[in-house]
């Protein structure tokens, strides 16, 4: 016995052709009881629907949500906004892999945006894709699953199956080839390539994603719950706004906060190499980029409004959880770095997270520390799946959404990143040593092979700390007290209590070796934390070394 294909209808005028349906997983898996107990709905009722909206490179710290007035009202205003949401890696592909798998990068082994770094590689497809939360929703919980937009940066690469590859777990697949674009791109529609040009009315990607998402809602089965993941290109470069928004925000400039255009004193050498003050041309460039990023987000705001209105019209809104977040943050001029992500600071690792849905009271703000590895467990919890059957590192924050009292929650998360750089000198910057990458014309570089670090981001009632170690010859350490120094200007690694420094070092080593439940053990400031200095030494009496992920 199997699930029957969905009936196909005629798409609305001016929208892309309706998505075909992928063959379904056997219904027997559902009947054997993957999702028998329902956490997100009353017993006996149908499981809730879920929508996950994922922006690309949208910051939270620098006001990235400001243009999204309708999104804030329709999702945050009707639900919960998280003020402490983080990503375990400030780069697109590793972060997206963490969302899909619920795992830290050292467990899913996606370390950068290249095939060699396991981004949509054959190894990823074979080992990780079968256990992503959408695959579980479809095979074990009977959900219709729909994807539209950017998947992973190397998706569609010829050496990894090309556009014919459709990851396990998706009933409907409408994925962008490789990285974000707005025009002149190719989509995989259930494994078949479709090219788009540069006609705004039919090709602008954010609007195409909106239209095909509405088509899905029109023609899906009404007898099964659905999961939608809509991954927009905005506000990623090349920052191409829709025509009607290209003249907006003309008086907006990148925020001149306390860490804007200053020298990164007492920081890792990559931050120290940035030229301070920045040139006028660099500042004009980043101001223009900041403005264009906001312009692209206005179309995302329209997408959210259309989606919510359609769910309301079909009387499904009250039975649907809607999540809005981003894969990583961004910086524009902080510590004199022009534009990019990848760094360990709040502006790159902190992201928006807004959720509305059944049982969530409106207009709430939560300070609880969450990470994108929690999205998968939370959505599976909503579907009623037994999380003990997964190997995920994250934890469900559904109890937070439902307002649970006396909740025991984590106080720290791991952030890890493996720097990129080739062992050659950049020909445009001969004065720089080999190993740097992402360099600008004035020879300021945003990355290097030894920009490899791991951090413990800790938040408790008494402490708001970040402890980071670099895998380089300096064995460089950065520590910040974000209560006293929210802009992370003063590195207090040499002045902090040595005992606390030792505990943070040990906690970092433990998290870098964690898997599943061990990633959720008590942090340094939790009542159940136990610190045994003897565990910092191996059997030979020498100090344990840090564990950093390496290329496969």
Protein backbone atom coordinates (compact mmCIF):
# COMPACT_ATOMS: atom_id res chain seq x y z
CA UNK A 1 0.00 0.00 0.00
CA UNK A 2 1.33 3.44 -0.85
CA UNK A 3 0.28 7.05 -0.74
CA UNK A 4 -1.31 8.13 -4.00
CA UNK A 5 0.12 11.07 -5.96
CA UNK A 6 -1.59 14.40 -5.41
CA UNK A 7 -4.01 15.66 -8.01
CA UNK A 8 -2.46 18.30 -10.21
CA UNK A 9 -4.32 21.48 -10.99
CA UNK A 10 -3.85 24.42 -13.31
CA UNK A 11 -1.49 27.10 -11.96
CA UNK A 12 -2.70 30.63 -11.52
CA UNK A 13 -2.07 33.14 -14.26
CA UNK A 14 1.48 34.51 -14.29
CA UNK A 15 2.86 31.88 -11.91
CA UNK A 16 5.29 29.03 -12.61
CA UNK A 17 3.93 25.70 -13.81
CA UNK A 18 2.63 23.61 -10.90
CA UNK A 19 5.16 21.31 -9.30
CA UNK A 20 4.95 17.62 -10.12
CA UNK A 21 4.83 15.16 -7.27
CA UNK A 22 7.67 12.85 -6.23
CA UNK A 23 6.87 9.23 -5.46
CA UNK A 24 5.86 8.82 -1.83
CA UNK A 25 7.29 6.74 1.00
CA UNK A 26 5.26 3.69 1.97
CA UNK A 27 2.33 4.35 4.23
CA UNK A 28 3.35 1.25 6.18
CA UNK A 29 6.12 3.27 7.88
CA UNK A 30 3.53 5.67 9.21
CA UNK A 31 1.26 2.86 10.37
CA UNK A 32 4.14 1.28 12.26
CA UNK A 33 4.14 4.28 14.49
CA UNK A 34 6.81 6.90 13.93
CA UNK A 35 4.59 9.78 15.09
CA UNK A 36 1.87 8.25 17.20
CA UNK A 37 1.97 10.70 20.10
CA UNK A 38 1.27 14.27 19.07
CA UNK A 39 2.97 17.01 21.09
CA UNK A 40 1.80 19.90 18.95
CA UNK A 41 -1.90 19.05 18.84
CA UNK A 42 -4.60 17.64 21.03
CA UNK A 43 -4.84 13.86 21.11
CA UNK A 44 -6.95 12.52 18.27
CA UNK A 45 -6.66 15.64 16.10
CA UNK A 46 -4.58 15.98 12.95
CA UNK A 47 -0.97 16.98 13.40
CA UNK A 48 -0.26 20.68 12.82
CA UNK A 49 1.21 22.00 9.59
CA UNK A 50 4.63 23.67 9.68
CA UNK A 51 6.21 26.36 7.50
CA UNK A 52 9.91 27.24 7.78
CA UNK A 53 10.98 30.48 6.09
CA UNK A 54 14.76 30.80 5.75
CA UNK A 55 16.48 34.02 4.69
CA UNK A 56 20.05 34.08 3.37
CA UNK A 57 22.65 36.15 5.27
CA UNK A 58 20.10 38.17 7.25
CA UNK A 59 21.57 39.69 10.40
CA UNK A 60 19.76 40.45 13.62
CA UNK A 61 22.29 42.68 15.40
CA UNK A 62 22.50 45.40 12.73
CA UNK A 63 18.76 45.82 12.26
CA UNK A 64 18.16 43.17 9.62
CA UNK A 65 14.51 42.79 10.63
CA UNK A 66 13.75 46.51 10.29
CA UNK A 67 12.44 46.34 6.67
CA UNK A 68 10.19 43.37 7.47
CA UNK A 69 7.32 45.24 9.08
CA UNK A 70 4.63 42.82 7.90
CA UNK A 71 6.68 39.77 8.90
CA UNK A 72 7.23 41.14 12.40
CA UNK A 73 3.51 41.86 12.77
CA UNK A 74 2.21 38.63 11.23
CA UNK A 75 4.67 36.22 12.87
CA UNK A 76 6.39 37.93 15.80
CA UNK A 77 3.38 40.01 16.77
CA UNK A 78 1.17 36.93 16.69
CA UNK A 79 3.69 34.69 18.41
CA UNK A 80 7.16 34.67 19.93
CA UNK A 81 10.39 36.47 19.03
CA UNK A 82 13.64 34.96 20.31
CA UNK A 83 16.25 37.54 21.30
CA UNK A 84 19.06 34.98 21.73
CA UNK A 85 19.02 32.77 18.63
CA UNK A 86 22.37 31.59 17.28
CA UNK A 87 23.90 29.52 14.50
CA UNK A 88 26.65 26.96 15.15
CA UNK A 89 28.63 28.20 12.15
CA UNK A 90 28.49 31.64 10.52
CA UNK A 91 28.52 30.36 6.95
CA UNK A 92 25.70 29.29 4.63
CA UNK A 93 26.30 25.61 3.90
CA UNK A 94 27.46 24.43 7.36
CA UNK A 95 24.60 26.34 8.98
CA UNK A 96 21.97 24.99 6.57
CA UNK A 97 23.31 21.49 7.14
CA UNK A 98 22.82 22.07 10.89
CA UNK A 99 19.21 23.12 10.32
CA UNK A 100 18.45 20.02 8.27
CA UNK A 101 20.25 17.50 10.49
CA UNK A 102 19.90 19.10 13.94
CA UNK A 103 23.65 18.53 14.36
CA UNK A 104 26.73 20.62 15.04
CA UNK A 105 29.20 20.87 12.11
CA UNK A 106 31.64 18.42 13.72
CA UNK A 107 28.89 15.79 13.48
CA UNK A 108 27.51 16.47 10.00
CA UNK A 109 31.01 17.26 8.63
CA UNK A 110 29.99 20.14 6.37
CA UNK A 111 32.79 22.61 7.01
CA UNK A 112 32.47 25.17 4.19
CA UNK A 113 30.66 26.03 0.96
CA UNK A 114 32.64 23.67 -1.33
CA UNK A 115 32.15 20.07 -2.43
CA UNK A 116 35.49 19.30 -0.81
CA UNK A 117 34.06 20.73 2.39
CA UNK A 118 31.14 18.28 2.12
CA UNK A 119 28.60 20.86 0.91
CA UNK A 120 25.98 18.77 -0.94
CA UNK A 121 28.66 16.20 -1.74
CA UNK A 122 27.94 12.54 -2.48
CA UNK A 123 29.06 11.76 1.05
CA UNK A 124 26.53 14.25 2.46
CA UNK A 125 23.81 12.77 0.25
CA UNK A 126 24.57 9.22 1.36
CA UNK A 127 25.21 9.72 5.07
CA UNK A 128 23.27 12.79 6.23
CA UNK A 129 20.32 13.37 3.89
CA UNK A 130 18.44 10.17 4.86
CA UNK A 131 18.28 11.36 8.48
CA UNK A 132 17.27 15.00 8.01
CA UNK A 133 14.12 16.07 9.79
CA UNK A 134 12.14 16.51 6.51
CA UNK A 135 13.00 12.89 5.62
CA UNK A 136 11.63 11.78 8.99
CA UNK A 137 8.51 13.93 8.59
CA UNK A 138 7.76 12.34 5.27
CA UNK A 139 8.67 8.70 5.90
CA UNK A 140 7.61 8.34 9.54
CA UNK A 141 4.96 11.00 10.09
CA UNK A 142 3.02 11.08 6.82
CA UNK A 143 3.70 14.75 6.04
CA UNK A 144 3.59 16.23 2.58
CA UNK A 145 6.93 18.00 2.26
CA UNK A 146 7.62 20.95 -0.01
CA UNK A 147 10.91 22.74 -0.67
CA UNK A 148 11.45 25.91 -2.69
CA UNK A 149 14.59 28.04 -3.00
CA UNK A 150 18.24 27.77 -2.10
CA UNK A 151 19.18 24.40 -0.61
CA UNK A 152 22.97 24.06 -0.20
CA UNK A 153 25.59 26.14 -2.02
CA UNK A 154 26.89 23.26 -4.15
CA UNK A 155 23.52 21.68 -4.88
CA UNK A 156 23.35 20.80 -8.59
CA UNK A 157 27.10 20.33 -9.03
CA UNK A 158 27.76 17.80 -11.83
CA UNK A 159 30.16 15.83 -9.64
CA UNK A 160 27.41 15.27 -7.07
CA UNK A 161 24.49 14.14 -9.16
CA UNK A 162 23.62 17.45 -10.78
CA UNK A 163 20.10 18.82 -10.74
CA UNK A 164 18.67 15.33 -11.18
CA UNK A 165 19.43 14.62 -7.53
CA UNK A 166 16.37 15.12 -5.31
CA UNK A 167 17.22 14.64 -1.62
CA UNK A 168 15.31 12.04 0.34
CA UNK A 169 12.34 13.41 2.21
CA UNK A 170 10.82 15.84 -0.27
CA UNK A 171 7.45 15.29 -1.96
CA UNK A 172 7.83 18.50 -3.97
CA UNK A 173 11.23 19.88 -4.91
CA UNK A 174 11.81 23.31 -6.42
CA UNK A 175 15.49 23.97 -5.70
CA UNK A 176 17.96 26.58 -6.91
CA UNK A 177 21.15 25.45 -8.58
CA UNK A 178 24.04 26.44 -6.30
CA UNK A 179 24.13 29.90 -4.69
CA UNK A 180 21.62 32.73 -4.43
CA UNK A 181 20.63 34.68 -7.51
CA UNK A 182 17.61 36.78 -8.41
CA UNK A 183 17.66 36.44 -12.22
CA UNK A 184 19.32 34.13 -14.79
CA UNK A 185 19.29 30.99 -12.67
CA UNK A 186 18.32 27.33 -13.04
CA UNK A 187 15.89 25.43 -10.86
CA UNK A 188 15.55 21.70 -10.30
CA UNK A 189 11.86 20.84 -10.42
CA UNK A 190 11.78 17.33 -9.02
CA UNK A 191 15.05 16.60 -10.79
CA UNK A 192 14.34 18.34 -14.10
CA UNK A 193 16.16 21.56 -14.95
CA UNK A 194 14.29 24.75 -15.77
CA UNK A 195 16.14 27.92 -16.74
CA UNK A 196 14.91 31.39 -15.87
CA UNK A 197 15.88 34.68 -17.48
CA UNK A 198 15.67 38.30 -16.41
CA UNK A 199 12.02 39.23 -16.94
CA UNK A 200 10.80 40.53 -13.59
CA UNK A 201 7.20 39.40 -14.04
CA UNK A 202 8.11 35.71 -14.43
CA UNK A 203 11.72 35.31 -13.27
CA UNK A 204 12.38 37.31 -10.10
CA UNK A 205 13.26 34.45 -7.75
CA UNK A 206 11.67 35.69 -4.52
CA UNK A 207 8.36 36.18 -6.34
CA UNK A 208 8.70 32.83 -8.13
CA UNK A 209 9.11 31.16 -4.72
CA UNK A 210 6.03 32.97 -3.45
CA UNK A 211 3.92 31.87 -6.44
CA UNK A 212 4.96 28.23 -6.40
CA UNK A 213 4.36 28.11 -2.63
CA UNK A 214 0.82 29.41 -3.12
CA UNK A 215 0.34 26.83 -5.87
CA UNK A 216 1.30 24.10 -3.44
CA UNK A 217 -1.23 25.33 -0.90
CA UNK A 218 -3.91 25.34 -3.61
CA UNK A 219 -3.29 21.83 -4.91
CA UNK A 220 -1.91 19.82 -1.98
CA UNK A 221 -3.85 17.02 -0.34
CA UNK A 222 -6.16 18.14 2.45
CA UNK A 223 -6.08 14.75 4.13
CA UNK A 224 -2.46 14.98 5.34
CA UNK A 225 -0.49 17.62 7.24
CA UNK A 226 2.19 19.51 5.33
CA UNK A 227 5.67 20.90 5.91
CA UNK A 228 6.98 23.74 3.74
CA UNK A 229 10.52 25.09 3.64
CA UNK A 230 10.87 28.29 1.65
CA UNK A 231 14.47 29.48 1.33
CA UNK A 232 14.75 32.95 -0.19
CA UNK A 233 17.84 34.42 -1.89
CA UNK A 234 17.45 37.70 0.00
CA UNK A 235 19.34 39.46 1.39
CA UNK A 236 22.35 37.60 -0.09
CA UNK A 237 24.45 39.23 -2.81
CA UNK A 238 24.10 40.31 -5.60
CA UNK A 239 21.35 42.25 -3.76
CA UNK A 240 19.08 42.73 -6.76
CA UNK A 241 15.88 44.38 -5.59
CA UNK A 242 12.52 44.15 -7.34
CA UNK A 243 11.97 47.19 -9.61
CA UNK A 244 9.37 48.76 -7.34
CA UNK A 245 11.79 48.73 -4.39
CA UNK A 246 15.03 49.89 -6.02
CA UNK A 247 14.69 53.47 -4.82
CA UNK A 248 13.75 52.74 -1.23
CA UNK A 249 15.89 53.44 1.85
CA UNK A 250 17.90 56.16 0.10
CA UNK A 251 18.66 57.80 3.45
CA UNK A 252 19.67 54.54 5.15
CA UNK A 253 23.31 53.79 5.95
CA UNK A 254 25.11 50.94 7.68
CA UNK A 255 24.85 51.45 11.47
CA UNK A 256 27.72 53.48 12.96
CA UNK A 257 27.77 51.49 16.19
CA UNK A 258 30.67 51.34 18.63
CA UNK A 259 32.59 48.65 16.75
CA UNK A 260 32.12 50.24 13.32
CA UNK A 261 35.33 51.27 11.55
CA UNK A 262 37.61 50.67 14.53
CA UNK A 263 40.76 48.60 14.83
CA UNK A 264 40.26 45.12 16.27
CA UNK A 265 42.76 45.48 19.09
CA UNK A 266 43.67 42.29 20.99
CA UNK A 267 41.87 40.13 18.44
CA UNK A 268 42.95 37.33 16.13
CA UNK A 269 45.46 38.45 13.48
CA UNK A 270 42.85 38.27 10.70
CA UNK A 271 40.83 40.97 12.42
CA UNK A 272 43.92 43.00 13.25
CA UNK A 273 45.01 43.10 9.58
CA UNK A 274 41.98 45.16 8.54
CA UNK A 275 42.93 48.71 7.59
CA UNK A 276 41.62 51.37 9.97
CA UNK A 277 40.11 53.79 9.20
CA UNK A 278 38.45 52.37 6.12
CA UNK A 279 38.72 54.30 2.88
CA UNK A 280 35.82 56.47 1.77
CA UNK A 281 35.26 54.16 -1.19
CA UNK A 282 35.02 51.14 1.11
CA UNK A 283 32.46 52.91 3.32
CA UNK A 284 30.41 53.98 0.28
CA UNK A 285 30.50 50.39 -0.96
CA UNK A 286 29.28 48.87 2.30
CA UNK A 287 26.62 51.56 2.77
CA UNK A 288 25.29 50.76 -0.69
CA UNK A 289 25.36 47.03 0.07
CA UNK A 290 23.51 47.60 3.34
CA UNK A 291 20.82 49.62 1.56
CA UNK A 292 20.38 47.05 -1.22
CA UNK A 293 20.11 44.22 1.29
CA UNK A 294 17.16 45.95 2.90
CA UNK A 295 15.58 46.56 -0.53
CA UNK A 296 15.67 42.83 -1.38
CA UNK A 297 14.00 41.99 1.93
CA UNK A 298 10.87 43.96 1.00
CA UNK A 299 9.96 41.21 -1.47
CA UNK A 300 10.43 38.64 1.30
CA UNK A 301 8.03 40.69 3.40
CA UNK A 302 5.50 40.47 0.56
CA UNK A 303 6.01 36.71 0.33
CA UNK A 304 5.27 36.27 4.03
CA UNK A 305 2.13 38.38 3.78
CA UNK A 306 0.83 36.39 0.79
CA UNK A 307 1.52 33.10 2.53
CA UNK A 308 -0.22 34.08 5.76
CA UNK A 309 -3.24 35.47 3.90
CA UNK A 310 -3.57 32.27 1.86
CA UNK A 311 -3.41 30.11 4.99
CA UNK A 312 -6.02 32.35 6.59
CA UNK A 313 -8.27 32.16 3.53
CA UNK A 314 -8.09 28.34 3.52
CA UNK A 315 -8.76 28.27 7.28
CA UNK A 316 -5.43 26.53 7.94
CA UNK A 317 -3.61 29.38 9.66
CA UNK A 318 -4.73 28.42 13.17
CA UNK A 319 -3.38 24.89 12.62
CA UNK A 320 -0.01 25.98 11.23
CA UNK A 321 3.29 26.82 12.90
CA UNK A 322 5.33 29.41 10.98
CA UNK A 323 9.05 29.86 11.69
CA UNK A 324 11.12 32.72 10.28
CA UNK A 325 14.92 32.75 10.59
CA UNK A 326 18.23 33.13 8.72
CA UNK A 327 21.22 30.87 8.06
CA UNK A 328 23.74 33.35 9.52
CA UNK A 329 24.27 36.99 10.36
CA UNK A 330 26.36 39.59 8.55
CA UNK A 331 28.67 42.53 9.12
CA UNK A 332 29.13 45.86 7.34
CA UNK A 333 32.19 47.68 8.61
CA UNK A 334 32.50 46.21 12.12
CA UNK A 335 36.16 46.14 13.19
CA UNK A 336 36.87 47.65 9.74
CA UNK A 337 35.89 44.45 7.92
CA UNK A 338 33.91 45.62 4.85
CA UNK A 339 31.17 42.99 4.26
CA UNK A 340 30.84 39.26 4.89
CA UNK A 341 30.06 36.74 7.65
CA UNK A 342 32.32 33.87 8.96
CA UNK A 343 33.52 35.64 12.12
CA UNK A 344 32.83 34.65 15.73
CA UNK A 345 31.17 37.90 16.80
CA UNK A 346 27.50 38.51 17.56
CA UNK A 347 26.80 40.27 14.28
CA UNK A 348 27.71 37.08 12.35
CA UNK A 349 26.42 34.30 14.64
CA UNK A 350 23.17 35.80 15.92
CA UNK A 351 20.04 35.54 13.75
CA UNK A 352 16.37 36.48 13.80
CA UNK A 353 13.92 33.82 14.98
CA UNK A 354 10.17 34.43 15.05
CA UNK A 355 7.52 31.73 15.54
CA UNK A 356 3.73 31.70 15.58
CA UNK A 357 1.36 28.76 15.83
CA UNK A 358 -1.20 26.84 17.89
CA UNK A 359 -0.83 27.43 21.62
CA UNK A 360 1.68 30.30 21.27
CA UNK A 361 0.50 33.49 22.90
CA UNK A 362 0.88 36.67 20.81
CA UNK A 363 3.54 39.35 21.13
CA UNK A 364 5.98 37.45 23.33
CA UNK A 365 9.76 37.74 23.58
CA UNK A 366 11.94 34.92 24.86
CA UNK A 367 15.50 35.36 26.12
CA UNK A 368 16.13 31.61 26.18
CA UNK A 369 19.30 30.52 24.37
CA UNK A 370 18.38 28.63 21.21
CA UNK A 371 20.30 27.55 18.13
CA UNK A 372 19.34 26.44 14.64
CA UNK A 373 20.19 22.84 15.57
CA UNK A 374 16.97 23.07 17.64
CA UNK A 375 14.71 23.71 14.64
CA UNK A 376 14.62 20.07 13.50
CA UNK A 377 13.90 18.63 16.97
CA UNK A 378 11.23 21.29 17.57
CA UNK A 379 9.44 20.58 14.29
CA UNK A 380 9.62 16.82 14.87
CA UNK A 381 8.23 17.41 18.37
CA UNK A 382 5.34 19.34 16.82
CA UNK A 383 4.72 16.34 14.56
CA UNK A 384 4.70 14.02 17.57
CA UNK A 385 7.88 12.13 16.70
CA UNK A 386 9.89 10.50 19.50
CA UNK A 387 13.08 12.55 19.62
CA UNK A 388 14.93 9.76 21.40
CA UNK A 389 14.96 7.94 18.06
CA UNK A 390 17.12 10.65 16.46
CA UNK A 391 20.83 11.37 16.68
CA UNK A 392 20.28 15.13 16.78
CA UNK A 393 22.41 17.42 18.95
CA UNK A 394 19.69 20.05 19.37
CA UNK A 395 16.65 20.08 21.62
CA UNK A 396 13.00 20.95 21.12
CA UNK A 397 11.99 24.44 22.22
CA UNK A 398 8.30 23.62 21.80
CA UNK A 399 7.85 23.81 25.61
CA UNK A 400 9.19 27.38 25.48
CA UNK A 401 6.72 28.25 22.73
CA UNK A 402 3.90 26.77 24.80
CA UNK A 403 4.92 28.76 27.90
CA UNK A 404 6.07 25.84 30.08
CA UNK A 405 7.03 26.83 33.62
CA UNK A 406 9.99 25.54 35.65
CA UNK A 407 11.68 24.47 32.43
CA UNK A 408 15.26 23.19 32.62
CA UNK A 409 17.08 24.66 29.64
CA UNK A 410 20.62 24.92 28.31
CA UNK A 411 23.00 27.74 29.18
CA UNK A 412 25.51 27.38 26.34
CA UNK A 413 25.89 26.47 22.67
CA UNK A 414 28.88 25.61 20.51
CA UNK A 415 30.03 27.77 17.59
CA UNK A 416 32.68 26.32 15.25
CA UNK A 417 34.17 27.37 11.95
CA UNK A 418 36.94 26.10 9.69
CA UNK A 419 38.74 28.84 7.80
CA UNK A 420 39.31 28.74 4.07
CA UNK A 421 42.44 29.72 2.20
CA UNK A 422 44.89 28.35 -0.35
CA UNK A 423 48.61 27.94 0.14
CA UNK A 424 49.37 30.60 -2.47
CA UNK A 425 49.78 34.35 -2.34
CA UNK A 426 46.85 36.40 -3.62
CA UNK A 427 48.23 38.05 -6.82
CA UNK A 428 46.25 41.22 -6.10
CA UNK A 429 47.76 41.43 -2.61
CA UNK A 430 51.41 40.26 -2.88
CA UNK A 431 52.26 41.78 0.51
CA UNK A 432 49.99 39.28 2.26
CA UNK A 433 51.14 35.82 3.23
CA UNK A 434 49.67 32.71 1.55
CA UNK A 435 46.48 31.27 3.00
CA UNK A 436 44.14 34.26 2.93
CA UNK A 437 40.85 34.44 1.02
CA UNK A 438 37.82 36.66 0.45
CA UNK A 439 40.11 39.66 -0.10
CA UNK A 440 38.94 43.12 -1.14
CA UNK A 441 40.82 45.43 -3.57
CA UNK A 442 42.49 47.29 -0.70
CA UNK A 443 43.91 43.95 0.53
CA UNK A 444 41.62 43.54 3.51
CA UNK A 445 40.79 39.84 3.75
CA UNK A 446 37.73 38.30 5.41
CA UNK A 447 39.05 34.76 5.81
CA UNK A 448 42.17 32.59 6.05
CA UNK A 449 42.97 28.92 6.45
CA UNK A 450 43.82 29.45 10.14
CA UNK A 451 40.70 31.48 10.82
CA UNK A 452 39.61 28.19 12.37
CA UNK A 453 37.98 28.59 15.75
CA UNK A 454 35.54 27.13 18.23
CA UNK A 455 33.54 29.03 20.85
CA UNK A 456 31.27 28.43 23.80
CA UNK A 457 28.50 31.02 23.82
CA UNK A 458 27.16 31.10 27.38
CA UNK A 459 24.07 32.83 28.76
CA UNK A 460 22.85 32.39 32.32
CA UNK A 461 21.25 34.52 35.01
CA UNK A 462 24.67 35.74 36.14
CA UNK A 463 26.86 35.52 33.04
CA UNK A 464 26.76 36.53 29.39
CA UNK A 465 30.06 35.25 28.03
CA UNK A 466 31.75 34.10 24.86
CA UNK A 467 34.92 32.01 25.05
CA UNK A 468 36.79 31.21 21.80
CA UNK A 469 39.98 29.38 20.83
CA UNK A 470 41.75 29.44 17.47
CA UNK A 471 43.52 26.52 15.86
CA UNK A 472 46.66 28.44 14.90
CA UNK A 473 50.29 28.85 15.96
CA UNK A 474 49.32 31.51 18.48
CA UNK A 475 46.70 29.24 20.10
CA UNK A 476 44.86 32.56 20.30
CA UNK A 477 42.03 33.01 22.80
CA UNK A 478 39.24 35.60 22.80
CA UNK A 479 36.83 36.09 25.71
CA UNK A 480 34.06 38.67 25.97
CA UNK A 481 31.74 39.75 28.76
CA UNK A 482 28.76 40.84 26.71
CA UNK A 483 26.93 42.33 29.68
CA UNK A 484 29.64 44.97 30.08
CA UNK A 485 30.81 44.94 26.46
CA UNK A 486 27.96 44.08 24.06
CA UNK A 487 29.98 45.19 21.03
CA UNK A 488 32.85 42.80 21.91
CA UNK A 489 35.53 45.45 21.78
CA UNK A 490 37.60 44.34 24.79
CA UNK A 491 39.13 40.87 24.77
CA UNK A 492 39.41 39.92 28.48
CA UNK A 493 41.22 36.60 27.96
CA UNK A 494 44.28 37.83 29.91
CA UNK A 495 42.36 39.37 32.79
CA UNK A 496 39.56 36.89 33.50
CA UNK A 497 39.73 34.54 36.50
CA UNK A 498 42.10 31.69 35.49
CA UNK A 499 39.86 29.11 37.14
CA UNK A 500 36.90 30.24 35.06
CA UNK A 501 39.13 30.26 31.99
CA UNK A 502 40.06 26.64 32.68
CA UNK A 503 36.43 25.62 33.07
CA UNK A 504 35.50 27.29 29.79
CA UNK A 505 38.42 25.59 28.04
CA UNK A 506 37.26 22.22 29.34
CA UNK A 507 33.64 22.89 28.41
CA UNK A 508 34.74 23.79 24.88
CA UNK A 509 36.64 20.52 24.52
CA UNK A 510 33.64 18.58 25.77
CA UNK A 511 31.25 20.28 23.32
CA UNK A 512 33.62 19.76 20.40
CA UNK A 513 33.51 16.04 21.14
CA UNK A 514 29.78 15.84 21.87
CA UNK A 515 27.16 13.91 19.96
CA UNK A 516 23.43 13.72 20.58
CA UNK A 517 22.60 13.77 24.32
CA UNK A 518 26.15 14.70 25.36
CA UNK A 519 25.67 18.02 23.55
CA UNK A 520 22.95 18.85 26.05
CA UNK A 521 24.85 18.30 29.30
CA UNK A 522 24.95 21.10 31.94
CA UNK A 523 27.10 24.11 31.13
CA UNK A 524 29.67 25.81 33.35
CA UNK A 525 27.07 27.94 35.17
CA UNK A 526 24.37 25.27 35.49
CA UNK A 527 23.63 23.71 38.93
CA UNK A 528 24.37 20.22 37.62
CA UNK A 529 27.77 21.12 36.15
CA UNK A 530 30.76 19.09 37.38
CA UNK A 531 34.33 20.10 36.63
CA UNK A 532 37.08 17.52 37.07
CA UNK A 533 40.48 19.04 36.15
CA UNK A 534 41.90 15.53 35.74
CA UNK A 535 39.72 15.11 32.65
CA UNK A 536 41.73 17.85 30.94
CA UNK A 537 44.68 15.46 30.72
CA UNK A 538 44.97 12.34 28.62
CA UNK A 539 46.40 9.00 29.74
CA UNK A 540 49.94 10.17 29.00
CA UNK A 541 49.70 13.13 31.34
CA UNK A 542 49.68 15.84 28.68
CA UNK A 543 46.93 18.42 28.22
CA UNK A 544 44.14 17.46 25.85
CA UNK A 545 44.17 19.32 22.57
CA UNK A 546 41.18 20.93 20.91
CA UNK A 547 39.36 19.00 18.25
CA UNK A 548 38.63 20.83 15.02
CA UNK A 549 36.78 19.37 12.05
CA UNK A 550 38.90 18.66 9.01
CA UNK A 551 38.01 18.28 5.35
CA UNK A 552 36.81 14.82 4.44
